[in-house]
Protein backbone atom coordinates (compact mmCIF):
# COMPACT_ATOMS: atom_id res chain seq x y z
CA MET A 1 -6.60 -22.18 -15.14
CA ASN A 2 -6.17 -20.43 -11.54
CA LEU A 3 -2.69 -20.25 -10.17
CA GLY A 4 -2.13 -18.61 -6.91
CA ARG A 5 -5.71 -17.91 -6.83
CA ARG A 6 -5.20 -15.00 -9.54
CA THR A 7 -6.70 -15.16 -13.04
CA ARG A 8 -4.21 -16.32 -15.66
CA ASP A 9 -4.47 -16.66 -19.32
CA THR A 10 -3.55 -20.29 -20.98
CA ARG A 11 0.09 -18.92 -21.37
CA GLY A 12 0.53 -18.18 -17.34
CA ALA A 13 0.47 -14.37 -17.87
CA ILE A 14 -1.80 -12.13 -15.25
CA ARG A 15 -5.31 -11.10 -16.59
CA TRP A 16 -5.91 -7.33 -16.00
CA ARG A 17 -9.43 -5.97 -16.01
CA ARG A 18 -9.98 -1.82 -16.50
CA PHE A 19 -11.99 0.62 -15.19
CA GLN A 20 -11.87 4.19 -15.67
CA HIS A 21 -12.13 7.25 -12.74
CA LEU A 22 -12.04 10.53 -13.81
CA GLY A 23 -10.38 10.28 -16.96
CA ALA A 24 -7.83 7.75 -15.64
CA THR A 25 -7.58 4.09 -16.74
CA VAL A 26 -6.76 1.76 -13.74
CA GLU A 27 -5.85 -1.92 -13.76
CA TYR A 28 -5.99 -4.78 -11.68
CA PRO A 29 -5.28 -8.18 -11.17
CA ALA A 30 -8.33 -10.43 -12.16
CA GLY A 31 -9.39 -13.23 -9.72
CA THR A 32 -7.23 -11.96 -6.70
CA CYS A 33 -8.16 -13.40 -3.62
CA TRP A 34 -7.11 -11.88 -0.15
CA GLU A 35 -7.88 -11.58 3.42
CA CYS A 36 -5.64 -10.73 6.03
CA THR A 37 -3.85 -13.26 8.41
CA ARG A 38 -2.81 -11.14 10.93
CA CYS A 39 1.10 -12.33 10.14
CA THR A 40 2.30 -8.82 10.54
CA ILE A 41 4.83 -9.99 7.64
CA CYS A 42 3.88 -6.54 6.09
CA CYS A 43 5.00 -4.68 9.26
CA GLN A 44 8.64 -5.90 9.59
CA ASP A 45 11.64 -6.81 7.61
CA THR A 46 12.21 -10.60 6.33
CA ALA A 47 15.26 -12.33 5.63
CA SER A 48 14.11 -11.63 1.71
CA HIS A 49 12.79 -7.96 2.17
CA LYS A 50 13.45 -4.76 3.95
CA ARG A 51 10.56 -3.18 4.47
CA CYS A 52 10.30 0.77 3.58
CA ILE A 53 6.84 2.34 4.88
CA ARG A 54 6.82 5.51 3.25
CA ILE A 55 4.77 8.67 4.16
CA LEU A 56 2.89 11.37 2.88
CA PRO A 57 3.37 14.92 4.54
CA GLN A 58 -0.48 14.78 5.91
CA GLU A 59 -0.12 11.41 7.10
CA VAL A 60 3.16 12.47 9.01
CA SER A 61 0.63 15.12 10.53
CA ARG A 62 -2.15 12.91 11.28
CA ILE A 63 -0.20 10.35 13.10
CA SER A 64 1.42 13.07 15.10
CA LEU A 65 -1.77 14.15 16.43
CA GLU A 66 -3.47 10.74 16.73
CA THR A 67 -0.41 10.00 19.25
CA ASP A 68 1.21 13.21 20.18
CA LEU A 69 4.34 12.12 18.86
CA LYS A 70 6.66 14.42 17.05
CA ALA A 71 7.45 13.34 13.54
CA GLU A 72 11.19 12.39 14.24
CA GLN A 73 10.10 9.95 17.03
CA PHE A 74 8.61 7.86 14.79
CA SER A 75 9.95 8.56 11.01
CA THR A 76 12.96 9.74 9.23
CA PRO A 77 13.11 12.04 6.48
CA HIS A 78 13.12 10.45 3.23
CA LEU A 79 13.45 12.89 0.09
CA SER A 80 14.09 10.43 -2.38
CA SER A 81 10.46 9.15 -3.45
CA SER A 82 8.30 12.26 -3.83
CA PRO A 83 5.49 13.22 -2.56
CA TYR A 84 6.61 10.63 0.28
CA THR A 85 8.58 12.78 2.70
CA HIS A 86 9.21 10.30 5.37
CA GLU A 87 9.80 6.78 6.20
CA MET A 88 8.64 5.22 9.16
CA ARG A 89 10.91 4.17 11.88
CA LYS A 90 11.59 0.33 12.88
CA VAL A 91 12.45 -0.83 16.20
CA SER A 92 14.00 -4.66 15.54
CA GLY A 93 13.19 -4.41 12.38
CA LYS A 94 9.49 -3.87 12.84
CA CYS A 95 7.22 -0.93 12.54
CA PHE A 96 7.62 1.69 15.08
CA PHE A 97 3.77 1.48 15.81
CA LEU A 98 3.32 -2.63 15.86
CA ARG A 99 2.25 -3.33 19.31
CA ASP A 100 1.78 -7.08 20.45
CA GLY A 101 1.06 -8.01 16.98
CA LEU A 102 -1.59 -4.98 16.19
CA CYS A 103 -0.90 -1.48 14.69
CA SER A 104 -1.70 0.77 17.32
CA ILE A 105 -2.44 3.41 14.68
CA TYR A 106 -4.66 1.30 12.42
CA ASP A 107 -7.14 4.01 11.59
CA ALA A 108 -4.49 6.68 10.92
CA ARG A 109 -1.96 4.14 9.14
CA PRO A 110 -0.08 5.55 5.86
CA ILE A 111 -1.55 4.60 2.29
CA THR A 112 1.26 2.47 1.86
CA CYS A 113 -0.24 0.24 4.88
CA VAL A 114 -3.59 0.54 3.36
CA PHE A 115 -2.59 -0.67 0.02
CA TYR A 116 -0.88 -3.39 1.17
CA PRO A 117 -0.34 -6.45 -0.48
CA PHE A 118 -0.66 -4.10 -3.53
CA PHE A 119 1.07 -1.14 -4.88
CA LEU A 120 0.10 1.15 -7.63
CA ASN A 121 2.32 1.65 -10.33
CA ARG A 122 2.55 3.43 -13.54
CA THR A 123 2.54 1.80 -16.83
CA ALA A 124 4.63 2.89 -20.05
CA ASP A 125 1.14 3.70 -21.76
CA GLY A 126 -0.04 5.97 -18.89
CA CYS A 127 -2.26 3.73 -16.93
CA TYR A 128 -2.38 3.19 -13.41
CA ARG A 129 -1.69 -0.37 -12.41
CA PHE A 130 -2.47 -2.30 -8.97
CA GLU A 131 0.49 -4.90 -8.63
CA LEU A 132 1.20 -7.42 -6.13
CA THR A 133 3.92 -6.80 -3.80
CA PRO A 134 7.04 -9.06 -4.76
CA GLU A 135 7.08 -10.65 -1.08
CA LYS A 136 4.58 -13.49 -0.69
CA CYS A 137 1.50 -12.27 1.50
CA ALA A 138 -0.15 -15.41 3.31
CA GLY A 139 -3.48 -13.36 2.93
CA THR A 140 -3.30 -13.62 -0.81
CA SER A 141 -4.46 -17.50 -0.51
CA HIS A 142 -7.21 -16.62 1.87
CA GLY A 143 -10.45 -14.50 1.56
CA ARG A 144 -12.78 -13.84 -1.22
CA GLU A 145 -12.09 -12.41 -4.70
CA ILE A 146 -11.20 -8.43 -4.29
CA SER A 147 -14.03 -6.55 -6.17
CA GLU A 148 -13.60 -3.91 -8.51
CA MET A 149 -15.34 -1.63 -6.21
CA ARG A 150 -12.47 -2.11 -3.54
CA PHE A 151 -9.92 -1.09 -6.18
CA ARG A 152 -11.95 1.89 -7.48
CA ARG A 153 -11.80 2.77 -3.59
CA LEU A 154 -8.54 2.56 -3.13
CA PHE A 155 -7.48 4.41 -6.24
CA ALA A 156 -9.88 7.52 -5.05
CA LEU A 157 -8.27 7.23 -1.58
CA ALA A 158 -4.88 7.22 -3.59
CA MET A 159 -5.59 10.19 -5.72
CA GLY A 160 -6.97 12.10 -2.81
CA ARG A 161 -3.87 11.74 -0.86
CA LEU A 162 -1.47 12.11 -3.26
CA SER A 163 -3.03 15.34 -4.76
CA ARG A 164 -3.03 16.56 -0.98
CA ALA A 165 0.75 15.69 -0.52
CA SER A 166 1.66 17.64 -4.07
CA GLU A 167 -0.44 20.84 -2.92
CA ASP A 168 1.83 20.64 0.51
CA LEU A 169 5.00 20.31 -1.26
CA ALA A 170 4.13 23.17 -3.57
CA PHE A 171 4.07 25.22 -0.87
């Protein structure tokens, strides 16, 4: 049965597929389809969800270089979610960099944005798991099934950025 274009077993539970990456077990939802519809719901607050776009230290630096803005112009310190050190500022509930319905820093956007509509979680048994964000993204009912290769690339990107963030915070 295919509910919400994600593969579910006969009890309605999501079926997870797995792969190994550098000794880590990674799970992702089987049969999930997604394509960005450019609705910008991921870039702004909604009635049911206050958006928090967390930013890693090297992402703050890259955005500063790309935009010639100081960190405090586009972000605020966010120290409760290590290794993330900043949170994106919003203007009228929308991301500071959302301009005319488009991301003005798309190539330098934080990993939080790259991952949307997913987030990476750690399960009780130590696996990494890609889970869908709790709010409903219109894109999950569009497009083709997300391939294992895409999840592999996202995981490698996360490990690279998170390890650099941990190194930055160690100094």
